[in-house]
Amino acid sequence: MNIAAWFKGLQRDTRVVVICASVAAGMVGMAYAAVPIYDLFCRVTGYGGTTQVAQYDPGMIIDREVIVRFDASLARGVPLEFAPLQPSMRVRLGETALAFYRVTNTSSQPVTGVASYNVAPFKTGSYFAKLECFCFTEQTIAPGETMDMPVIFFVDPNMDQDRQLDEVQTITLSYTFFSAGDSRALEVAGAS
């Protein structure tokens, strides 16, 4: 066997190993980056009913109104009662509104939970903005304690310019309360 041929084969094998290792490292890197990238995508586009987070109201209120319905659910096995205090409210686009959800611990132990949310129809997510929300913040509720948790929101008046949303008259804001130790809650919180 010729040394030059052996060396050429070694170089080729090394190149293949480097390429394979690079591809594997890239795949691991993309796996770690997938959740933050998906989160950013959802927040920018409103995909999947992901609402926007706003620092201030739009400063403009228009005459078009929508009905905002409120929905609440609990993950299986969470010893809480969780419900909106108002079933719905009529708001004008751009108008800041305040709604409350009530949670009661029905157990004899403190319960720490976290709520995730979305809106329906999903295509309204990029126009539904929350100024303040109890979502994704761990709440510890003492045994027998009841808490009223506020949501301050508005529907962006730019929704009126989106012809695909002309037929939308009702938006549903839905929260699900999970136990903070529930791995599903962490998945939902990370993906939303």
N, C-alpha and C. Protein backbone atom coordinates (compact mmCIF):
# COMPACT_ATOMS: atom_id res chain seq x y z
N MET A 1 0.84 -1.18 0.00
CA MET A 1 0.00 0.00 0.00
C MET A 1 0.88 1.24 0.00
N ASN A 2 0.49 2.13 -0.75
CA ASN A 2 1.18 3.38 -0.96
C ASN A 2 0.81 4.37 0.16
N ILE A 3 1.78 5.08 0.72
CA ILE A 3 1.57 6.05 1.81
C ILE A 3 0.68 7.19 1.32
N ALA A 4 0.88 7.66 0.12
CA ALA A 4 0.08 8.77 -0.42
C ALA A 4 -1.39 8.38 -0.52
N ALA A 5 -1.67 7.17 -0.98
CA ALA A 5 -3.05 6.70 -1.08
C ALA A 5 -3.67 6.55 0.32
N TRP A 6 -2.87 6.01 1.23
CA TRP A 6 -3.37 5.87 2.61
C TRP A 6 -3.69 7.23 3.22
N PHE A 7 -2.80 8.21 3.01
CA PHE A 7 -3.00 9.55 3.55
C PHE A 7 -4.24 10.21 2.93
N LYS A 8 -4.43 10.00 1.63
CA LYS A 8 -5.60 10.55 0.93
C LYS A 8 -6.89 9.94 1.48
N GLY A 9 -6.89 8.63 1.74
CA GLY A 9 -8.04 7.95 2.33
C GLY A 9 -8.32 8.46 3.74
N LEU A 10 -7.27 8.70 4.52
CA LEU A 10 -7.42 9.23 5.88
C LEU A 10 -8.04 10.62 5.85
N GLN A 11 -7.60 11.45 4.91
CA GLN A 11 -8.16 12.79 4.77
C GLN A 11 -9.66 12.70 4.43
N ARG A 12 -10.01 11.81 3.52
CA ARG A 12 -11.40 11.64 3.13
C ARG A 12 -12.23 11.17 4.33
N ASP A 13 -11.73 10.20 5.09
CA ASP A 13 -12.43 9.71 6.28
C ASP A 13 -12.59 10.81 7.33
N THR A 14 -11.54 11.59 7.53
CA THR A 14 -11.59 12.69 8.49
C THR A 14 -12.65 13.71 8.07
N ARG A 15 -12.68 14.02 6.80
CA ARG A 15 -13.66 14.97 6.27
C ARG A 15 -15.09 14.46 6.53
N VAL A 16 -15.33 13.18 6.31
CA VAL A 16 -16.65 12.59 6.54
C VAL A 16 -17.02 12.68 8.02
N VAL A 17 -16.06 12.36 8.89
CA VAL A 17 -16.31 12.44 10.34
C VAL A 17 -16.63 13.87 10.75
N VAL A 18 -15.87 14.84 10.25
CA VAL A 18 -16.10 16.25 10.58
C VAL A 18 -17.48 16.69 10.09
N ILE A 19 -17.84 16.31 8.89
CA ILE A 19 -19.16 16.68 8.34
C ILE A 19 -20.27 16.06 9.20
N CYS A 20 -20.15 14.79 9.53
CA CYS A 20 -21.17 14.11 10.36
C CYS A 20 -21.28 14.76 11.74
N ALA A 21 -20.14 15.06 12.35
CA ALA A 21 -20.15 15.70 13.67
C ALA A 21 -20.77 17.08 13.59
N SER A 22 -20.49 17.82 12.53
CA SER A 22 -21.07 19.16 12.34
C SER A 22 -22.59 19.08 12.18
N VAL A 23 -23.04 18.12 11.39
CA VAL A 23 -24.48 17.94 11.20
C VAL A 23 -25.15 17.58 12.53
N ALA A 24 -24.55 16.67 13.29
CA ALA A 24 -25.11 16.27 14.59
C ALA A 24 -25.15 17.46 15.54
N ALA A 25 -24.06 18.24 15.61
CA ALA A 25 -24.03 19.42 16.48
C ALA A 25 -25.07 20.45 16.03
N GLY A 26 -25.21 20.63 14.73
CA GLY A 26 -26.23 21.55 14.22
C GLY A 26 -27.63 21.12 14.59
N MET A 27 -27.91 19.83 14.53
CA MET A 27 -29.24 19.31 14.88
C MET A 27 -29.53 19.53 16.37
N VAL A 28 -28.53 19.29 17.21
CA VAL A 28 -28.71 19.53 18.64
C VAL A 28 -28.96 21.02 18.90
N GLY A 29 -28.18 21.86 18.24
CA GLY A 29 -28.36 23.31 18.38
C GLY A 29 -29.74 23.76 17.94
N MET A 30 -30.22 23.24 16.83
CA MET A 30 -31.57 23.59 16.35
C MET A 30 -32.65 23.10 17.30
N ALA A 31 -32.42 21.95 17.92
CA ALA A 31 -33.41 21.45 18.89
C ALA A 31 -33.53 22.41 20.06
N TYR A 32 -32.43 22.91 20.55
CA TYR A 32 -32.47 23.87 21.66
C TYR A 32 -33.05 25.21 21.22
N ALA A 33 -32.82 25.60 19.98
CA ALA A 33 -33.30 26.89 19.49
C ALA A 33 -34.76 26.83 19.04
N ALA A 34 -35.32 25.65 18.86
CA ALA A 34 -36.66 25.52 18.30
C ALA A 34 -37.72 26.22 19.14
N VAL A 35 -37.71 26.03 20.46
CA VAL A 35 -38.75 26.63 21.30
C VAL A 35 -38.67 28.16 21.27
N PRO A 36 -37.50 28.79 21.50
CA PRO A 36 -37.47 30.25 21.41
C PRO A 36 -37.84 30.79 20.03
N ILE A 37 -37.41 30.09 18.98
CA ILE A 37 -37.75 30.55 17.63
C ILE A 37 -39.25 30.41 17.38
N TYR A 38 -39.84 29.30 17.79
CA TYR A 38 -41.28 29.11 17.64
C TYR A 38 -42.04 30.14 18.46
N ASP A 39 -41.58 30.41 19.69
CA ASP A 39 -42.21 31.42 20.54
C ASP A 39 -42.19 32.79 19.85
N LEU A 40 -41.04 33.17 19.32
CA LEU A 40 -40.93 34.44 18.61
C LEU A 40 -41.86 34.48 17.41
N PHE A 41 -41.89 33.40 16.63
CA PHE A 41 -42.76 33.32 15.47
C PHE A 41 -44.23 33.51 15.87
N CYS A 42 -44.66 32.83 16.94
CA CYS A 42 -46.05 32.92 17.39
C CYS A 42 -46.39 34.32 17.88
N ARG A 43 -45.48 34.94 18.60
CA ARG A 43 -45.74 36.29 19.11
C ARG A 43 -45.81 37.31 17.99
N VAL A 44 -44.99 37.16 16.98
CA VAL A 44 -44.98 38.11 15.87
C VAL A 44 -46.20 37.94 14.98
N THR A 45 -46.58 36.69 14.72
CA THR A 45 -47.66 36.43 13.77
C THR A 45 -49.01 36.19 14.41
N GLY A 46 -49.05 35.91 15.73
CA GLY A 46 -50.31 35.54 16.37
C GLY A 46 -50.72 34.12 16.07
N TYR A 47 -49.80 33.33 15.49
CA TYR A 47 -50.09 31.95 15.11
C TYR A 47 -50.58 31.16 16.32
N GLY A 48 -51.58 30.32 16.08
CA GLY A 48 -52.10 29.45 17.14
C GLY A 48 -52.86 30.21 18.21
N GLY A 49 -53.29 31.43 17.90
CA GLY A 49 -54.05 32.21 18.88
C GLY A 49 -53.18 32.88 19.92
N THR A 50 -51.86 32.94 19.68
CA THR A 50 -50.97 33.61 20.62
C THR A 50 -51.25 35.11 20.58
N THR A 51 -51.55 35.66 21.73
CA THR A 51 -51.86 37.08 21.80
C THR A 51 -50.58 37.89 21.89
N GLN A 52 -50.72 39.18 21.72
CA GLN A 52 -49.59 40.09 21.81
C GLN A 52 -49.51 40.65 23.23
N VAL A 53 -48.33 41.07 23.62
CA VAL A 53 -48.14 41.75 24.91
C VAL A 53 -47.81 43.19 24.57
N ALA A 54 -48.56 44.11 25.15
CA ALA A 54 -48.38 45.52 24.84
C ALA A 54 -47.91 46.28 26.08
N GLN A 55 -47.18 47.35 25.85
CA GLN A 55 -46.72 48.20 26.94
C GLN A 55 -47.71 49.35 27.21
N TYR A 56 -48.47 49.71 26.19
CA TYR A 56 -49.43 50.81 26.30
C TYR A 56 -50.55 50.58 25.31
N ASP A 57 -51.68 51.29 25.54
CA ASP A 57 -52.82 51.11 24.64
C ASP A 57 -52.55 51.84 23.33
N PRO A 58 -53.35 51.53 22.30
CA PRO A 58 -53.06 52.08 20.98
C PRO A 58 -53.33 53.57 20.84
N GLY A 59 -54.05 54.18 21.79
CA GLY A 59 -54.31 55.61 21.71
C GLY A 59 -55.39 55.98 20.72
N MET A 60 -56.09 54.99 20.18
CA MET A 60 -57.14 55.25 19.19
C MET A 60 -58.25 54.23 19.41
N ILE A 61 -59.46 54.71 19.52
CA ILE A 61 -60.62 53.83 19.66
C ILE A 61 -61.53 54.09 18.47
N ILE A 62 -61.96 53.00 17.82
CA ILE A 62 -62.87 53.16 16.68
C ILE A 62 -64.23 52.56 17.04
N ASP A 63 -65.22 52.81 16.19
CA ASP A 63 -66.60 52.40 16.49
C ASP A 63 -66.86 50.91 16.39
N ARG A 64 -66.07 50.19 15.61
CA ARG A 64 -66.33 48.75 15.47
C ARG A 64 -66.21 48.05 16.82
N GLU A 65 -67.17 47.19 17.10
CA GLU A 65 -67.19 46.46 18.36
C GLU A 65 -67.05 44.96 18.11
N VAL A 66 -66.48 44.29 19.09
CA VAL A 66 -66.45 42.83 19.12
C VAL A 66 -66.88 42.40 20.52
N ILE A 67 -67.39 41.20 20.58
CA ILE A 67 -67.71 40.60 21.88
C ILE A 67 -66.52 39.74 22.26
N VAL A 68 -65.99 39.95 23.45
CA VAL A 68 -64.91 39.12 23.95
C VAL A 68 -65.53 38.17 24.97
N ARG A 69 -65.45 36.87 24.66
CA ARG A 69 -65.93 35.83 25.57
C ARG A 69 -64.76 35.34 26.41
N PHE A 70 -65.05 34.92 27.63
CA PHE A 70 -64.00 34.45 28.54
C PHE A 70 -64.26 32.99 28.88
N ASP A 71 -63.20 32.20 28.83
CA ASP A 71 -63.30 30.78 29.06
C ASP A 71 -62.20 30.38 30.04
N ALA A 72 -62.49 29.39 30.88
CA ALA A 72 -61.50 28.90 31.85
C ALA A 72 -61.61 27.39 31.96
N SER A 73 -60.45 26.75 32.08
CA SER A 73 -60.43 25.30 32.30
C SER A 73 -59.25 24.96 33.20
N LEU A 74 -59.31 23.76 33.75
CA LEU A 74 -58.27 23.27 34.64
C LEU A 74 -57.64 22.02 34.06
N ALA A 75 -56.34 21.88 34.26
CA ALA A 75 -55.69 20.62 33.92
C ALA A 75 -56.22 19.55 34.87
N ARG A 76 -56.19 18.33 34.42
CA ARG A 76 -56.69 17.22 35.22
C ARG A 76 -55.98 17.14 36.58
N GLY A 77 -56.76 16.99 37.63
CA GLY A 77 -56.21 16.76 38.96
C GLY A 77 -55.83 18.01 39.73
N VAL A 78 -56.03 19.19 39.18
CA VAL A 78 -55.69 20.42 39.90
C VAL A 78 -56.87 20.75 40.83
N PRO A 79 -56.62 20.80 42.16
CA PRO A 79 -57.72 20.99 43.12
C PRO A 79 -58.14 22.46 43.28
N LEU A 80 -58.53 23.06 42.18
CA LEU A 80 -58.94 24.46 42.18
C LEU A 80 -60.29 24.59 41.48
N GLU A 81 -60.97 25.67 41.80
CA GLU A 81 -62.10 26.13 40.98
C GLU A 81 -61.57 27.35 40.25
N PHE A 82 -61.85 27.44 38.96
CA PHE A 82 -61.29 28.51 38.13
C PHE A 82 -62.34 28.93 37.12
N ALA A 83 -62.70 30.22 37.14
CA ALA A 83 -63.75 30.68 36.23
C ALA A 83 -63.63 32.19 36.01
N PRO A 84 -64.09 32.66 34.84
CA PRO A 84 -64.13 34.11 34.63
C PRO A 84 -65.27 34.70 35.45
N LEU A 85 -65.10 35.94 35.93
CA LEU A 85 -66.17 36.59 36.68
C LEU A 85 -67.24 37.15 35.76
N GLN A 86 -66.92 37.36 34.51
CA GLN A 86 -67.89 37.83 33.53
C GLN A 86 -67.83 36.88 32.34
N PRO A 87 -68.97 36.45 31.81
CA PRO A 87 -68.94 35.52 30.68
C PRO A 87 -68.46 36.18 29.39
N SER A 88 -68.76 37.47 29.23
CA SER A 88 -68.35 38.18 28.02
C SER A 88 -68.47 39.68 28.25
N MET A 89 -67.90 40.44 27.33
CA MET A 89 -68.07 41.89 27.34
C MET A 89 -67.93 42.40 25.92
N ARG A 90 -68.61 43.48 25.65
CA ARG A 90 -68.55 44.13 24.34
C ARG A 90 -67.53 45.26 24.45
N VAL A 91 -66.55 45.25 23.54
CA VAL A 91 -65.53 46.29 23.54
C VAL A 91 -65.37 46.86 22.14
N ARG A 92 -65.03 48.13 22.09
CA ARG A 92 -64.70 48.75 20.81
C ARG A 92 -63.23 48.52 20.52
N LEU A 93 -62.87 48.40 19.27
CA LEU A 93 -61.47 48.19 18.90
C LEU A 93 -60.65 49.38 19.39
N GLY A 94 -59.58 49.08 20.11
CA GLY A 94 -58.69 50.10 20.67
C GLY A 94 -59.03 50.46 22.11
N GLU A 95 -60.20 50.06 22.58
CA GLU A 95 -60.63 50.38 23.94
C GLU A 95 -59.96 49.43 24.94
N THR A 96 -59.39 50.00 26.00
CA THR A 96 -58.78 49.19 27.05
C THR A 96 -59.89 48.64 27.94
N ALA A 97 -59.82 47.35 28.23
CA ALA A 97 -60.86 46.70 29.03
C ALA A 97 -60.20 45.91 30.17
N LEU A 98 -60.98 45.71 31.22
CA LEU A 98 -60.52 44.98 32.40
C LEU A 98 -61.48 43.83 32.67
N ALA A 99 -60.92 42.64 32.80
CA ALA A 99 -61.72 41.45 33.12
C ALA A 99 -61.03 40.74 34.28
N PHE A 100 -61.80 39.91 34.99
CA PHE A 100 -61.25 39.16 36.12
C PHE A 100 -61.57 37.69 36.00
N TYR A 101 -60.62 36.89 36.45
CA TYR A 101 -60.81 35.45 36.61
C TYR A 101 -60.66 35.16 38.10
N ARG A 102 -61.48 34.25 38.61
CA ARG A 102 -61.43 33.89 40.03
C ARG A 102 -60.93 32.46 40.17
N VAL A 103 -59.99 32.28 41.08
CA VAL A 103 -59.47 30.95 41.38
C VAL A 103 -59.64 30.70 42.87
N THR A 104 -60.12 29.51 43.23
CA THR A 104 -60.31 29.11 44.63
C THR A 104 -59.64 27.77 44.85
N ASN A 105 -58.84 27.69 45.91
CA ASN A 105 -58.19 26.43 46.29
C ASN A 105 -59.18 25.63 47.11
N THR A 106 -59.60 24.49 46.60
CA THR A 106 -60.59 23.65 47.29
C THR A 106 -59.93 22.54 48.11
N SER A 107 -58.59 22.55 48.18
CA SER A 107 -57.90 21.50 48.91
C SER A 107 -57.45 22.00 50.28
N SER A 108 -56.84 21.11 51.06
CA SER A 108 -56.32 21.47 52.38
C SER A 108 -54.82 21.78 52.32
N GLN A 109 -54.26 21.85 51.12
CA GLN A 109 -52.84 22.14 50.93
C GLN A 109 -52.68 23.37 50.02
N PRO A 110 -51.59 24.12 50.19
CA PRO A 110 -51.33 25.21 49.23
C PRO A 110 -51.14 24.62 47.83
N VAL A 111 -51.60 25.34 46.83
CA VAL A 111 -51.46 24.91 45.44
C VAL A 111 -50.77 26.02 44.68
N THR A 112 -49.69 25.66 43.98
CA THR A 112 -49.00 26.62 43.13
C THR A 112 -49.30 26.24 41.70
N GLY A 113 -49.81 27.21 40.96
CA GLY A 113 -50.21 26.93 39.58
C GLY A 113 -49.76 28.03 38.64
N VAL A 114 -49.93 27.75 37.37
CA VAL A 114 -49.61 28.70 36.32
C VAL A 114 -50.68 28.55 35.23
N ALA A 115 -51.05 29.67 34.64
CA ALA A 115 -52.09 29.64 33.60
C ALA A 115 -51.48 29.95 32.24
N SER A 116 -51.93 29.23 31.23
CA SER A 116 -51.57 29.53 29.85
C SER A 116 -52.84 30.00 29.14
N TYR A 117 -52.70 30.60 27.98
CA TYR A 117 -53.85 31.21 27.31
C TYR A 117 -53.74 31.09 25.80
N ASN A 118 -54.85 31.35 25.14
CA ASN A 118 -54.87 31.59 23.71
C ASN A 118 -56.19 32.27 23.37
N VAL A 119 -56.32 32.70 22.13
CA VAL A 119 -57.57 33.29 21.68
C VAL A 119 -58.07 32.52 20.47
N ALA A 120 -59.36 32.58 20.27
CA ALA A 120 -59.98 31.98 19.10
C ALA A 120 -60.98 33.00 18.54
N PRO A 121 -61.11 33.10 17.25
CA PRO A 121 -60.36 32.36 16.24
C PRO A 121 -58.88 32.74 16.27
N PHE A 122 -58.05 31.76 15.91
CA PHE A 122 -56.60 31.94 15.99
C PHE A 122 -56.12 33.15 15.20
N LYS A 123 -56.78 33.44 14.09
CA LYS A 123 -56.31 34.53 13.23
C LYS A 123 -56.44 35.90 13.89
N THR A 124 -57.11 35.99 15.04
CA THR A 124 -57.21 37.27 15.76
C THR A 124 -56.08 37.46 16.76
N GLY A 125 -55.24 36.44 16.94
CA GLY A 125 -54.18 36.50 17.95
C GLY A 125 -53.25 37.68 17.80
N SER A 126 -52.92 38.06 16.59
CA SER A 126 -51.99 39.19 16.40
C SER A 126 -52.64 40.53 16.69
N TYR A 127 -53.95 40.56 16.88
CA TYR A 127 -54.65 41.82 17.17
C TYR A 127 -55.12 41.91 18.62
N PHE A 128 -55.04 40.83 19.35
CA PHE A 128 -55.48 40.82 20.75
C PHE A 128 -54.25 41.06 21.62
N ALA A 129 -54.23 42.18 22.34
CA ALA A 129 -53.05 42.55 23.12
C ALA A 129 -53.40 42.68 24.60
N LYS A 130 -52.53 42.14 25.43
CA LYS A 130 -52.73 42.22 26.88
C LYS A 130 -51.73 43.21 27.46
N LEU A 131 -52.24 44.13 28.29
CA LEU A 131 -51.38 45.08 28.99
C LEU A 131 -50.92 44.50 30.32
N GLU A 132 -51.79 43.70 30.93
CA GLU A 132 -51.44 43.04 32.19
C GLU A 132 -52.19 41.72 32.26
N CYS A 133 -51.50 40.71 32.80
CA CYS A 133 -52.08 39.37 32.80
C CYS A 133 -51.43 38.53 33.89
N PHE A 134 -52.17 37.59 34.42
CA PHE A 134 -51.66 36.67 35.43
C PHE A 134 -51.02 35.43 34.79
N CYS A 135 -51.03 35.35 33.47
CA CYS A 135 -50.56 34.16 32.77
C CYS A 135 -49.04 33.99 32.90
N PHE A 136 -48.63 32.74 32.94
CA PHE A 136 -47.23 32.33 33.01
C PHE A 136 -46.52 32.82 34.26
N THR A 137 -47.27 33.31 35.24
CA THR A 137 -46.71 33.70 36.52
C THR A 137 -47.22 32.71 37.55
N GLU A 138 -46.32 32.11 38.29
CA GLU A 138 -46.76 31.15 39.30
C GLU A 138 -47.58 31.86 40.37
N GLN A 139 -48.72 31.28 40.68
CA GLN A 139 -49.62 31.79 41.72
C GLN A 139 -49.72 30.72 42.79
N THR A 140 -49.47 31.09 44.05
CA THR A 140 -49.66 30.15 45.14
C THR A 140 -50.93 30.54 45.88
N ILE A 141 -51.84 29.59 45.96
CA ILE A 141 -53.15 29.83 46.58
C ILE A 141 -53.21 28.96 47.84
N ALA A 142 -53.43 29.61 48.97
CA ALA A 142 -53.50 28.90 50.25
C ALA A 142 -54.77 28.06 50.31
N PRO A 143 -54.83 27.07 51.21
CA PRO A 143 -56.04 26.25 51.35
C PRO A 143 -57.27 27.12 51.62
N GLY A 144 -58.31 26.95 50.82
CA GLY A 144 -59.55 27.71 50.99
C GLY A 144 -59.49 29.14 50.48
N GLU A 145 -58.34 29.61 50.02
CA GLU A 145 -58.19 30.99 49.55
C GLU A 145 -58.83 31.18 48.18
N THR A 146 -59.39 32.38 47.98
CA THR A 146 -59.93 32.79 46.69
C THR A 146 -59.19 34.03 46.24
N MET A 147 -58.78 34.03 44.97
CA MET A 147 -58.08 35.19 44.39
C MET A 147 -58.81 35.63 43.13
N ASP A 148 -58.94 36.94 42.96
CA ASP A 148 -59.43 37.50 41.71
C ASP A 148 -58.22 38.03 40.95
N MET A 149 -58.03 37.54 39.73
CA MET A 149 -56.85 37.89 38.95
C MET A 149 -57.26 38.70 37.73
N PRO A 150 -56.65 39.90 37.56
CA PRO A 150 -57.06 40.78 36.47
C PRO A 150 -56.36 40.50 35.14
N VAL A 151 -57.06 40.83 34.08
CA VAL A 151 -56.51 40.84 32.72
C VAL A 151 -56.90 42.18 32.12
N ILE A 152 -55.92 42.97 31.74
CA ILE A 152 -56.18 44.24 31.07
C ILE A 152 -55.77 44.05 29.62
N PHE A 153 -56.67 44.35 28.71
CA PHE A 153 -56.42 44.04 27.29
C PHE A 153 -57.09 45.06 26.38
N PHE A 154 -56.75 44.97 25.10
CA PHE A 154 -57.48 45.69 24.05
C PHE A 154 -57.36 44.91 22.76
N VAL A 155 -58.28 45.18 21.86
CA VAL A 155 -58.22 44.60 20.52
C VAL A 155 -57.72 45.72 19.61
N ASP A 156 -56.61 45.47 18.94
CA ASP A 156 -55.96 46.48 18.12
C ASP A 156 -56.92 47.01 17.05
N PRO A 157 -57.05 48.34 16.95
CA PRO A 157 -57.95 48.90 15.92
C PRO A 157 -57.51 48.57 14.50
N ASN A 158 -56.26 48.17 14.30
CA ASN A 158 -55.80 47.78 12.96
C ASN A 158 -56.50 46.52 12.46
N MET A 159 -57.15 45.80 13.37
CA MET A 159 -57.92 44.62 12.96
C MET A 159 -59.00 45.03 11.96
N ASP A 160 -59.50 46.25 12.07
CA ASP A 160 -60.55 46.72 11.18
C ASP A 160 -60.07 46.83 9.73
N GLN A 161 -58.76 46.96 9.53
CA GLN A 161 -58.19 47.08 8.19
C GLN A 161 -57.94 45.72 7.54
N ASP A 162 -57.98 44.65 8.33
CA ASP A 162 -57.70 43.30 7.83
C ASP A 162 -59.00 42.70 7.29
N ARG A 163 -59.12 42.65 5.97
CA ARG A 163 -60.36 42.19 5.32
C ARG A 163 -60.67 40.73 5.66
N GLN A 164 -59.66 39.94 6.03
CA GLN A 164 -59.91 38.54 6.40
C GLN A 164 -60.62 38.43 7.75
N LEU A 165 -60.72 39.54 8.47
CA LEU A 165 -61.36 39.51 9.79
C LEU A 165 -62.67 40.31 9.81
N ASP A 166 -63.17 40.67 8.65
CA ASP A 166 -64.42 41.43 8.58
C ASP A 166 -65.58 40.71 9.25
N GLU A 167 -65.61 39.37 9.14
CA GLU A 167 -66.74 38.61 9.69
C GLU A 167 -66.59 38.33 11.19
N VAL A 168 -65.43 38.60 11.77
CA VAL A 168 -65.21 38.29 13.19
C VAL A 168 -66.00 39.26 14.06
N GLN A 169 -66.91 38.70 14.83
CA GLN A 169 -67.71 39.50 15.76
C GLN A 169 -67.47 39.08 17.21
N THR A 170 -66.86 37.90 17.39
CA THR A 170 -66.62 37.37 18.73
C THR A 170 -65.21 36.80 18.80
N ILE A 171 -64.51 37.15 19.88
CA ILE A 171 -63.17 36.60 20.17
C ILE A 171 -63.28 35.92 21.53
N THR A 172 -62.74 34.73 21.65
CA THR A 172 -62.75 34.01 22.93
C THR A 172 -61.34 34.00 23.51
N LEU A 173 -61.22 34.52 24.74
CA LEU A 173 -59.96 34.47 25.48
C LEU A 173 -60.07 33.29 26.44
N SER A 174 -59.20 32.32 26.25
CA SER A 174 -59.30 31.07 27.01
C SER A 174 -58.03 30.85 27.84
N TYR A 175 -58.21 30.56 29.13
CA TYR A 175 -57.09 30.24 30.03
C TYR A 175 -57.24 28.81 30.53
N THR A 176 -56.11 28.15 30.69
CA THR A 176 -56.06 26.84 31.33
C THR A 176 -55.09 26.94 32.49
N PHE A 177 -55.52 26.52 33.67
CA PHE A 177 -54.70 26.57 34.88
C PHE A 177 -54.09 25.20 35.12
N PHE A 178 -52.78 25.15 35.26
CA PHE A 178 -52.03 23.92 35.50
C PHE A 178 -51.36 23.99 36.87
N SER A 179 -51.07 22.83 37.43
CA SER A 179 -50.22 22.76 38.61
C SER A 179 -48.82 23.15 38.15
N ALA A 180 -48.10 23.97 38.94
CA ALA A 180 -46.78 24.46 38.51
C ALA A 180 -45.79 23.33 38.32
N GLY A 181 -45.96 22.21 38.98
CA GLY A 181 -45.05 21.08 38.81
C GLY A 181 -45.38 20.20 37.62
N ASP A 182 -46.47 20.49 36.93
CA ASP A 182 -46.92 19.69 35.80
C ASP A 182 -46.04 19.98 34.59
N SER A 183 -45.37 18.97 34.07
CA SER A 183 -44.48 19.18 32.93
C SER A 183 -45.24 19.68 31.71
N ARG A 184 -46.51 19.34 31.59
CA ARG A 184 -47.33 19.83 30.47
C ARG A 184 -47.45 21.35 30.55
N ALA A 185 -47.58 21.91 31.78
CA ALA A 185 -47.68 23.36 31.94
C ALA A 185 -46.42 24.03 31.44
N LEU A 186 -45.27 23.44 31.74
CA LEU A 186 -44.02 24.02 31.28
C LEU A 186 -43.91 23.96 29.77
N GLU A 187 -44.36 22.87 29.15
CA GLU A 187 -44.34 22.76 27.69
C GLU A 187 -45.23 23.83 27.07
N VAL A 188 -46.45 23.97 27.61
CA VAL A 188 -47.40 24.94 27.06
C VAL A 188 -46.86 26.35 27.25
N ALA A 189 -46.34 26.64 28.46
CA ALA A 189 -45.81 27.96 28.74
C ALA A 189 -44.64 28.30 27.81
N GLY A 190 -43.79 27.32 27.56
CA GLY A 190 -42.64 27.54 26.68
C GLY A 190 -43.04 27.71 25.23
N ALA A 191 -44.05 27.00 24.79
CA ALA A 191 -44.44 27.05 23.38
C ALA A 191 -45.37 28.21 23.09
N SER A 192 -46.08 28.70 24.06
CA SER A 192 -46.99 29.79 23.79
C SER A 192 -46.30 31.10 23.87
